[in-house]
Amino acid sequence: MKLLSVLGATLGFLLMGLGLLAAPGAKDEKDKDDLKKFEGTWVFTSWEHAGEALPAEARDTARWTMKGEKYTFEFGGMTEEGTIKLDPSKKPATMDLAITEGQDKGKDQVGIYKIEGDTITVCLAPPGAKDRPTEFKSTEDNGFILVAIKRSKKDD
């Protein structure tokens, strides 16, 4: 149950209390471009938490949906909602989730992301943690969640 709690919170994951910073010019456009790339429904192609892979049968029940700055994460009968904020100008690009509904309501979740073709890779700290990941790595020591998502096919 604790794993589900951490996974859900983590995925508040995904994805996040999104109020884009008011940044002028190119940065603002890049933020919006990346935000648009997150739009839609996503399935998880890989998922590690604290260095352990989530079994495919469990992972296959998870869905991440983004519309504008809002996300919904569904997993094992649990639903989490929130907003997301992206900053692609950082290296690696950062994301901040503000969890507004669900088990970790009121907590923020910090992470990093990269977009490669039709896959987005995200590494998140546990909800409420202040230390942002600096690399795409999940170990028992860091307790991070590392996921790869792909846009869901229309018939999923």
N, C-alpha and C. Protein backbone atom coordinates (compact mmCIF):
# COMPACT_ATOMS: atom_id res chain seq x y z
N MET A 1 0.83 -1.18 0.00
CA MET A 1 0.00 0.00 0.00
C MET A 1 0.87 1.25 0.00
N LYS A 2 1.99 1.18 0.76
CA LYS A 2 2.90 2.33 0.81
C LYS A 2 3.46 2.61 -0.58
N LEU A 3 3.77 1.54 -1.33
CA LEU A 3 4.30 1.71 -2.69
C LEU A 3 3.27 2.43 -3.55
N LEU A 4 1.99 2.03 -3.45
CA LEU A 4 0.95 2.69 -4.24
C LEU A 4 0.84 4.16 -3.84
N SER A 5 0.96 4.43 -2.56
CA SER A 5 0.88 5.81 -2.09
C SER A 5 2.01 6.64 -2.67
N VAL A 6 3.21 6.11 -2.61
CA VAL A 6 4.36 6.84 -3.12
C VAL A 6 4.26 6.98 -4.63
N LEU A 7 3.83 5.91 -5.30
CA LEU A 7 3.71 5.97 -6.75
C LEU A 7 2.66 6.99 -7.16
N GLY A 8 1.56 6.99 -6.49
CA GLY A 8 0.50 7.93 -6.81
C GLY A 8 0.95 9.35 -6.57
N ALA A 9 1.55 9.55 -5.45
CA ALA A 9 2.00 10.88 -5.12
C ALA A 9 3.05 11.31 -6.10
N THR A 10 3.87 10.40 -6.40
CA THR A 10 4.94 10.69 -7.30
C THR A 10 4.39 11.12 -8.61
N LEU A 11 3.38 10.46 -8.94
CA LEU A 11 2.88 10.83 -10.21
C LEU A 11 2.03 12.01 -10.15
N GLY A 12 1.82 12.37 -9.02
CA GLY A 12 1.17 13.61 -9.02
C GLY A 12 1.95 14.20 -10.07
N PHE A 13 2.70 13.32 -10.32
CA PHE A 13 3.69 13.26 -11.38
C PHE A 13 3.24 13.94 -12.47
N LEU A 14 3.39 13.43 -11.87
CA LEU A 14 3.55 13.90 -13.03
C LEU A 14 2.67 14.97 -12.95
N LEU A 15 2.93 15.10 -12.72
CA LEU A 15 2.96 15.99 -13.54
C LEU A 15 2.07 16.95 -13.05
N MET A 16 1.61 18.20 -12.39
CA MET A 16 2.11 19.26 -11.61
C MET A 16 1.38 20.58 -11.59
N GLY A 17 1.56 21.29 -10.55
CA GLY A 17 0.88 22.52 -10.26
C GLY A 17 1.35 23.60 -11.15
N LEU A 18 0.80 23.62 -12.26
CA LEU A 18 1.40 24.33 -13.34
C LEU A 18 0.92 25.73 -13.52
N GLY A 19 1.66 26.62 -13.03
CA GLY A 19 1.41 28.00 -13.35
C GLY A 19 2.71 28.45 -13.95
N LEU A 20 2.75 28.60 -15.24
CA LEU A 20 4.01 28.97 -15.88
C LEU A 20 4.47 30.33 -15.38
N LEU A 21 5.76 30.44 -15.17
CA LEU A 21 6.31 31.72 -14.76
C LEU A 21 6.14 32.69 -15.91
N ALA A 22 5.85 33.90 -15.59
CA ALA A 22 5.71 34.91 -16.63
C ALA A 22 7.09 35.32 -17.07
N ALA A 23 7.58 34.67 -18.10
CA ALA A 23 8.90 34.98 -18.63
C ALA A 23 8.72 35.51 -20.03
N PRO A 24 9.39 36.57 -20.35
CA PRO A 24 9.20 37.18 -21.66
C PRO A 24 9.89 36.39 -22.77
N GLY A 25 9.38 36.61 -23.98
CA GLY A 25 10.07 36.16 -25.17
C GLY A 25 10.19 34.67 -25.38
N ALA A 26 11.39 34.26 -25.81
CA ALA A 26 11.64 32.89 -26.25
C ALA A 26 11.40 31.86 -25.15
N LYS A 27 11.78 32.17 -23.92
CA LYS A 27 11.59 31.22 -22.83
C LYS A 27 10.12 30.91 -22.65
N ASP A 28 9.29 31.95 -22.65
CA ASP A 28 7.86 31.77 -22.49
C ASP A 28 7.30 30.89 -23.61
N GLU A 29 7.76 31.12 -24.82
CA GLU A 29 7.30 30.32 -25.96
C GLU A 29 7.75 28.87 -25.81
N LYS A 30 8.99 28.64 -25.37
CA LYS A 30 9.50 27.28 -25.20
C LYS A 30 8.70 26.57 -24.11
N ASP A 31 8.39 27.28 -23.01
CA ASP A 31 7.57 26.69 -21.95
C ASP A 31 6.25 26.22 -22.53
N LYS A 32 5.60 27.08 -23.31
CA LYS A 32 4.31 26.75 -23.90
C LYS A 32 4.44 25.61 -24.90
N ASP A 33 5.54 25.60 -25.67
CA ASP A 33 5.76 24.51 -26.63
C ASP A 33 5.86 23.18 -25.91
N ASP A 34 6.66 23.13 -24.84
CA ASP A 34 6.81 21.88 -24.09
C ASP A 34 5.50 21.49 -23.44
N LEU A 35 4.76 22.45 -22.91
CA LEU A 35 3.48 22.15 -22.29
C LEU A 35 2.53 21.53 -23.30
N LYS A 36 2.54 22.04 -24.52
CA LYS A 36 1.69 21.47 -25.57
C LYS A 36 2.10 20.03 -25.90
N LYS A 37 3.39 19.75 -25.82
CA LYS A 37 3.87 18.39 -26.10
C LYS A 37 3.37 17.40 -25.05
N PHE A 38 3.06 17.87 -23.85
CA PHE A 38 2.55 17.00 -22.79
C PHE A 38 1.05 16.74 -22.92
N GLU A 39 0.35 17.53 -23.73
CA GLU A 39 -1.11 17.40 -23.83
C GLU A 39 -1.50 16.02 -24.35
N GLY A 40 -2.61 15.51 -23.82
CA GLY A 40 -3.14 14.24 -24.28
C GLY A 40 -3.13 13.19 -23.17
N THR A 41 -3.36 11.95 -23.58
CA THR A 41 -3.37 10.82 -22.66
C THR A 41 -2.13 9.99 -22.90
N TRP A 42 -1.47 9.61 -21.81
CA TRP A 42 -0.19 8.91 -21.87
C TRP A 42 -0.26 7.59 -21.12
N VAL A 43 0.49 6.60 -21.63
CA VAL A 43 0.64 5.32 -20.96
C VAL A 43 2.11 5.19 -20.55
N PHE A 44 2.34 4.37 -19.56
CA PHE A 44 3.69 4.20 -19.01
C PHE A 44 4.38 3.00 -19.65
N THR A 45 5.54 3.25 -20.25
CA THR A 45 6.29 2.17 -20.88
C THR A 45 7.36 1.62 -19.95
N SER A 46 7.75 2.41 -18.96
CA SER A 46 8.63 1.92 -17.90
C SER A 46 8.37 2.73 -16.65
N TRP A 47 8.67 2.12 -15.50
CA TRP A 47 8.42 2.78 -14.22
C TRP A 47 9.29 2.13 -13.15
N GLU A 48 10.15 2.92 -12.57
CA GLU A 48 10.98 2.47 -11.45
C GLU A 48 10.72 3.38 -10.26
N HIS A 49 10.70 2.79 -9.09
CA HIS A 49 10.60 3.57 -7.86
C HIS A 49 11.66 3.03 -6.89
N ALA A 50 12.52 3.93 -6.43
CA ALA A 50 13.60 3.55 -5.52
C ALA A 50 14.42 2.40 -6.10
N GLY A 51 14.65 2.44 -7.41
CA GLY A 51 15.48 1.45 -8.07
C GLY A 51 14.79 0.15 -8.42
N GLU A 52 13.51 0.00 -8.08
CA GLU A 52 12.77 -1.23 -8.36
C GLU A 52 11.75 -0.98 -9.46
N ALA A 53 11.71 -1.89 -10.43
CA ALA A 53 10.76 -1.77 -11.53
C ALA A 53 9.36 -2.16 -11.07
N LEU A 54 8.38 -1.37 -11.48
CA LEU A 54 6.99 -1.70 -11.23
C LEU A 54 6.60 -2.80 -12.22
N PRO A 55 5.96 -3.87 -11.76
CA PRO A 55 5.57 -4.94 -12.68
C PRO A 55 4.67 -4.40 -13.80
N ALA A 56 4.84 -4.94 -15.00
CA ALA A 56 4.10 -4.48 -16.17
C ALA A 56 2.59 -4.52 -15.95
N GLU A 57 2.09 -5.58 -15.29
CA GLU A 57 0.64 -5.68 -15.09
C GLU A 57 0.11 -4.53 -14.23
N ALA A 58 0.89 -4.04 -13.31
CA ALA A 58 0.47 -2.88 -12.50
C ALA A 58 0.66 -1.59 -13.31
N ARG A 59 1.80 -1.47 -13.95
CA ARG A 59 2.11 -0.28 -14.74
C ARG A 59 1.08 -0.05 -15.85
N ASP A 60 0.60 -1.13 -16.44
CA ASP A 60 -0.35 -1.02 -17.55
C ASP A 60 -1.70 -0.45 -17.14
N THR A 61 -1.98 -0.37 -15.84
CA THR A 61 -3.25 0.21 -15.38
C THR A 61 -3.16 1.73 -15.19
N ALA A 62 -1.97 2.28 -15.30
CA ALA A 62 -1.77 3.71 -15.05
C ALA A 62 -1.99 4.53 -16.31
N ARG A 63 -2.58 5.71 -16.13
CA ARG A 63 -2.80 6.67 -17.22
C ARG A 63 -2.50 8.06 -16.70
N TRP A 64 -1.89 8.86 -17.56
CA TRP A 64 -1.58 10.25 -17.26
C TRP A 64 -2.24 11.09 -18.33
N THR A 65 -3.07 12.04 -17.96
CA THR A 65 -3.76 12.89 -18.92
C THR A 65 -3.44 14.35 -18.61
N MET A 66 -3.09 15.09 -19.65
CA MET A 66 -2.76 16.52 -19.50
C MET A 66 -3.67 17.33 -20.42
N LYS A 67 -4.19 18.43 -19.88
CA LYS A 67 -4.94 19.39 -20.68
C LYS A 67 -4.58 20.77 -20.15
N GLY A 68 -3.88 21.53 -20.98
CA GLY A 68 -3.40 22.83 -20.52
C GLY A 68 -2.41 22.62 -19.40
N GLU A 69 -2.63 23.32 -18.29
CA GLU A 69 -1.74 23.23 -17.15
C GLU A 69 -2.22 22.22 -16.11
N LYS A 70 -3.25 21.46 -16.44
CA LYS A 70 -3.84 20.52 -15.49
C LYS A 70 -3.53 19.08 -15.90
N TYR A 71 -3.33 18.25 -14.88
CA TYR A 71 -3.10 16.83 -15.14
C TYR A 71 -4.02 15.98 -14.28
N THR A 72 -4.26 14.76 -14.75
CA THR A 72 -4.96 13.75 -13.98
C THR A 72 -4.14 12.47 -14.09
N PHE A 73 -3.87 11.86 -12.96
CA PHE A 73 -3.13 10.61 -12.92
C PHE A 73 -4.05 9.56 -12.30
N GLU A 74 -4.21 8.44 -13.02
CA GLU A 74 -5.05 7.35 -12.54
C GLU A 74 -4.20 6.10 -12.42
N PHE A 75 -4.34 5.42 -11.26
CA PHE A 75 -3.54 4.22 -11.02
C PHE A 75 -4.20 3.37 -9.95
N GLY A 76 -4.52 2.14 -10.29
CA GLY A 76 -5.06 1.20 -9.32
C GLY A 76 -6.27 1.70 -8.55
N GLY A 77 -7.20 2.36 -9.22
CA GLY A 77 -8.39 2.85 -8.57
C GLY A 77 -8.21 4.18 -7.87
N MET A 78 -7.02 4.71 -7.88
CA MET A 78 -6.72 5.99 -7.26
C MET A 78 -6.65 7.06 -8.34
N THR A 79 -7.11 8.27 -8.01
CA THR A 79 -7.01 9.39 -8.94
C THR A 79 -6.32 10.55 -8.24
N GLU A 80 -5.42 11.18 -8.95
CA GLU A 80 -4.74 12.37 -8.45
C GLU A 80 -4.86 13.44 -9.52
N GLU A 81 -5.06 14.67 -9.08
CA GLU A 81 -5.14 15.79 -10.01
C GLU A 81 -4.24 16.90 -9.51
N GLY A 82 -3.85 17.76 -10.45
CA GLY A 82 -3.02 18.89 -10.07
C GLY A 82 -2.67 19.74 -11.26
N THR A 83 -1.70 20.61 -11.03
CA THR A 83 -1.22 21.48 -12.09
C THR A 83 0.27 21.25 -12.27
N ILE A 84 0.78 21.65 -13.42
CA ILE A 84 2.17 21.42 -13.75
C ILE A 84 2.82 22.72 -14.22
N LYS A 85 4.06 22.87 -13.88
CA LYS A 85 4.87 24.02 -14.31
C LYS A 85 6.16 23.46 -14.89
N LEU A 86 6.48 23.87 -16.11
CA LEU A 86 7.68 23.39 -16.79
C LEU A 86 8.67 24.53 -16.96
N ASP A 87 9.95 24.20 -16.90
CA ASP A 87 11.00 25.17 -17.21
C ASP A 87 12.05 24.49 -18.08
N PRO A 88 11.85 24.55 -19.41
CA PRO A 88 12.78 23.91 -20.34
C PRO A 88 14.11 24.64 -20.46
N SER A 89 14.25 25.82 -19.86
CA SER A 89 15.52 26.55 -19.96
C SER A 89 16.57 25.98 -19.02
N LYS A 90 16.17 25.18 -18.04
CA LYS A 90 17.12 24.55 -17.11
C LYS A 90 17.71 23.32 -17.77
N LYS A 91 18.87 22.91 -17.29
CA LYS A 91 19.52 21.70 -17.79
C LYS A 91 19.79 20.76 -16.63
N PRO A 92 19.06 19.63 -16.51
CA PRO A 92 17.94 19.23 -17.36
C PRO A 92 16.69 20.08 -17.10
N ALA A 93 15.76 20.00 -18.04
CA ALA A 93 14.50 20.74 -17.92
C ALA A 93 13.79 20.31 -16.64
N THR A 94 13.13 21.27 -15.97
CA THR A 94 12.48 20.96 -14.70
C THR A 94 10.96 21.02 -14.81
N MET A 95 10.32 20.28 -13.90
CA MET A 95 8.87 20.29 -13.79
C MET A 95 8.51 20.34 -12.31
N ASP A 96 7.45 21.07 -12.03
CA ASP A 96 6.93 21.16 -10.67
C ASP A 96 5.46 20.83 -10.72
N LEU A 97 5.06 19.87 -9.90
CA LEU A 97 3.66 19.48 -9.81
C LEU A 97 3.08 20.05 -8.52
N ALA A 98 1.90 20.58 -8.60
CA ALA A 98 1.14 20.99 -7.42
C ALA A 98 -0.06 20.05 -7.35
N ILE A 99 -0.07 19.19 -6.36
CA ILE A 99 -1.12 18.18 -6.23
C ILE A 99 -2.33 18.82 -5.55
N THR A 100 -3.46 18.86 -6.27
CA THR A 100 -4.64 19.54 -5.75
C THR A 100 -5.75 18.58 -5.31
N GLU A 101 -5.68 17.32 -5.74
CA GLU A 101 -6.67 16.31 -5.35
C GLU A 101 -5.97 14.97 -5.23
N GLY A 102 -6.47 14.14 -4.30
CA GLY A 102 -5.91 12.81 -4.14
C GLY A 102 -5.18 12.67 -2.81
N GLN A 103 -4.54 11.54 -2.66
CA GLN A 103 -3.88 11.16 -1.42
C GLN A 103 -2.85 12.18 -0.93
N ASP A 104 -2.15 12.82 -1.85
CA ASP A 104 -1.10 13.77 -1.47
C ASP A 104 -1.52 15.22 -1.71
N LYS A 105 -2.81 15.47 -1.65
CA LYS A 105 -3.36 16.81 -1.84
C LYS A 105 -2.61 17.82 -0.98
N GLY A 106 -2.27 18.95 -1.61
CA GLY A 106 -1.57 20.00 -0.90
C GLY A 106 -0.06 19.92 -0.95
N LYS A 107 0.47 18.83 -1.49
CA LYS A 107 1.92 18.68 -1.60
C LYS A 107 2.39 19.07 -3.00
N ASP A 108 3.65 19.49 -3.07
CA ASP A 108 4.30 19.75 -4.35
C ASP A 108 5.24 18.60 -4.64
N GLN A 109 5.51 18.40 -5.92
CA GLN A 109 6.44 17.35 -6.32
C GLN A 109 7.35 17.92 -7.39
N VAL A 110 8.65 17.81 -7.16
CA VAL A 110 9.63 18.39 -8.08
C VAL A 110 10.31 17.29 -8.88
N GLY A 111 10.68 17.63 -10.13
CA GLY A 111 11.33 16.64 -10.97
C GLY A 111 12.00 17.28 -12.17
N ILE A 112 12.47 16.40 -13.03
CA ILE A 112 13.09 16.79 -14.29
C ILE A 112 12.45 15.98 -15.41
N TYR A 113 12.59 16.46 -16.64
CA TYR A 113 12.01 15.74 -17.77
C TYR A 113 12.86 15.94 -19.02
N LYS A 114 12.65 15.03 -19.97
CA LYS A 114 13.23 15.19 -21.30
C LYS A 114 12.25 14.61 -22.31
N ILE A 115 12.18 15.28 -23.46
CA ILE A 115 11.30 14.86 -24.53
C ILE A 115 12.17 14.36 -25.67
N GLU A 116 11.95 13.11 -26.06
CA GLU A 116 12.70 12.51 -27.16
C GLU A 116 11.69 11.85 -28.10
N GLY A 117 11.42 12.53 -29.21
CA GLY A 117 10.43 12.00 -30.15
C GLY A 117 9.07 11.90 -29.50
N ASP A 118 8.48 10.69 -29.50
CA ASP A 118 7.15 10.51 -28.91
C ASP A 118 7.21 9.94 -27.49
N THR A 119 8.39 10.02 -26.87
CA THR A 119 8.56 9.54 -25.50
C THR A 119 8.99 10.69 -24.58
N ILE A 120 8.39 10.74 -23.41
CA ILE A 120 8.80 11.70 -22.39
C ILE A 120 9.30 10.90 -21.19
N THR A 121 10.48 11.25 -20.73
CA THR A 121 11.06 10.61 -19.54
C THR A 121 11.00 11.62 -18.40
N VAL A 122 10.54 11.16 -17.24
CA VAL A 122 10.39 12.03 -16.08
C VAL A 122 11.03 11.35 -14.88
N CYS A 123 11.76 12.12 -14.09
CA CYS A 123 12.29 11.64 -12.81
C CYS A 123 11.78 12.59 -11.74
N LEU A 124 11.06 12.04 -10.75
CA LEU A 124 10.42 12.84 -9.72
C LEU A 124 10.89 12.46 -8.33
N ALA A 125 11.01 13.46 -7.48
CA ALA A 125 11.23 13.22 -6.06
C ALA A 125 9.88 12.82 -5.46
N PRO A 126 9.88 12.19 -4.29
CA PRO A 126 8.60 11.89 -3.64
C PRO A 126 7.83 13.18 -3.33
N PRO A 127 6.50 13.12 -3.30
CA PRO A 127 5.71 14.31 -2.98
C PRO A 127 6.15 14.92 -1.66
N GLY A 128 6.30 16.23 -1.66
CA GLY A 128 6.69 16.95 -0.46
C GLY A 128 8.19 17.10 -0.29
N ALA A 129 8.99 16.32 -1.02
CA ALA A 129 10.45 16.42 -0.92
C ALA A 129 10.92 17.71 -1.59
N LYS A 130 11.97 18.29 -1.07
CA LYS A 130 12.49 19.56 -1.61
C LYS A 130 13.64 19.35 -2.59
N ASP A 131 14.36 18.22 -2.49
CA ASP A 131 15.52 17.99 -3.36
C ASP A 131 15.10 17.45 -4.71
N ARG A 132 15.36 18.25 -5.74
CA ARG A 132 15.00 17.88 -7.11
C ARG A 132 16.06 16.91 -7.67
N PRO A 133 15.62 15.89 -8.41
CA PRO A 133 16.60 15.04 -9.09
C PRO A 133 17.47 15.88 -10.03
N THR A 134 18.70 15.45 -10.22
CA THR A 134 19.62 16.13 -11.15
C THR A 134 19.98 15.23 -12.32
N GLU A 135 19.61 13.96 -12.21
CA GLU A 135 19.84 13.01 -13.30
C GLU A 135 18.67 12.03 -13.36
N PHE A 136 18.55 11.35 -14.47
CA PHE A 136 17.45 10.40 -14.68
C PHE A 136 17.85 9.05 -14.13
N LYS A 137 17.75 8.94 -12.79
CA LYS A 137 18.20 7.73 -12.12
C LYS A 137 17.37 7.52 -10.85
N SER A 138 16.88 6.30 -10.67
CA SER A 138 16.12 5.93 -9.50
C SER A 138 16.88 4.85 -8.75
N THR A 139 17.21 5.13 -7.50
CA THR A 139 17.93 4.15 -6.67
C THR A 139 17.22 4.00 -5.33
N GLU A 140 17.57 2.96 -4.61
CA GLU A 140 17.01 2.77 -3.28
C GLU A 140 17.36 3.97 -2.39
N ASP A 141 18.57 4.49 -2.54
CA ASP A 141 19.02 5.60 -1.71
C ASP A 141 18.27 6.91 -2.00
N ASN A 142 18.03 7.22 -3.30
CA ASN A 142 17.39 8.51 -3.59
C ASN A 142 15.86 8.44 -3.52
N GLY A 143 15.27 7.25 -3.69
CA GLY A 143 13.81 7.10 -3.59
C GLY A 143 13.03 7.75 -4.71
N PHE A 144 13.72 8.13 -5.80
CA PHE A 144 13.06 8.82 -6.90
C PHE A 144 12.21 7.87 -7.72
N ILE A 145 11.30 8.46 -8.46
CA ILE A 145 10.46 7.73 -9.40
C ILE A 145 10.93 8.11 -10.81
N LEU A 146 11.22 7.12 -11.60
CA LEU A 146 11.68 7.32 -12.97
C LEU A 146 10.70 6.62 -13.90
N VAL A 147 10.07 7.39 -14.79
CA VAL A 147 9.08 6.81 -15.70
C VAL A 147 9.34 7.28 -17.12
N ALA A 148 8.91 6.47 -18.05
CA ALA A 148 8.87 6.85 -19.46
C ALA A 148 7.42 6.69 -19.89
N ILE A 149 6.92 7.70 -20.61
CA ILE A 149 5.53 7.65 -21.07
C ILE A 149 5.49 7.87 -22.58
N LYS A 150 4.47 7.26 -23.18
CA LYS A 150 4.21 7.42 -24.62
C LYS A 150 2.75 7.79 -24.77
N ARG A 151 2.48 8.58 -25.80
CA ARG A 151 1.11 8.98 -26.06
C ARG A 151 0.27 7.73 -26.31
N SER A 152 -0.90 7.70 -25.68
CA SER A 152 -1.81 6.56 -25.82
C SER A 152 -2.39 6.54 -27.24
N LYS A 153 -2.55 5.33 -27.75
CA LYS A 153 -3.23 5.18 -29.05
C LYS A 153 -4.71 5.43 -28.81
N LYS A 154 -5.40 5.89 -29.82
CA LYS A 154 -6.83 6.24 -29.69
C LYS A 154 -7.67 5.07 -29.23
N ASP A 155 -7.26 3.82 -29.56
CA ASP A 155 -8.09 2.67 -29.20
C ASP A 155 -7.72 2.07 -27.85
N ASP A 156 -6.82 2.73 -27.09
CA ASP A 156 -6.45 2.22 -25.75
C ASP A 156 -7.62 2.38 -24.80
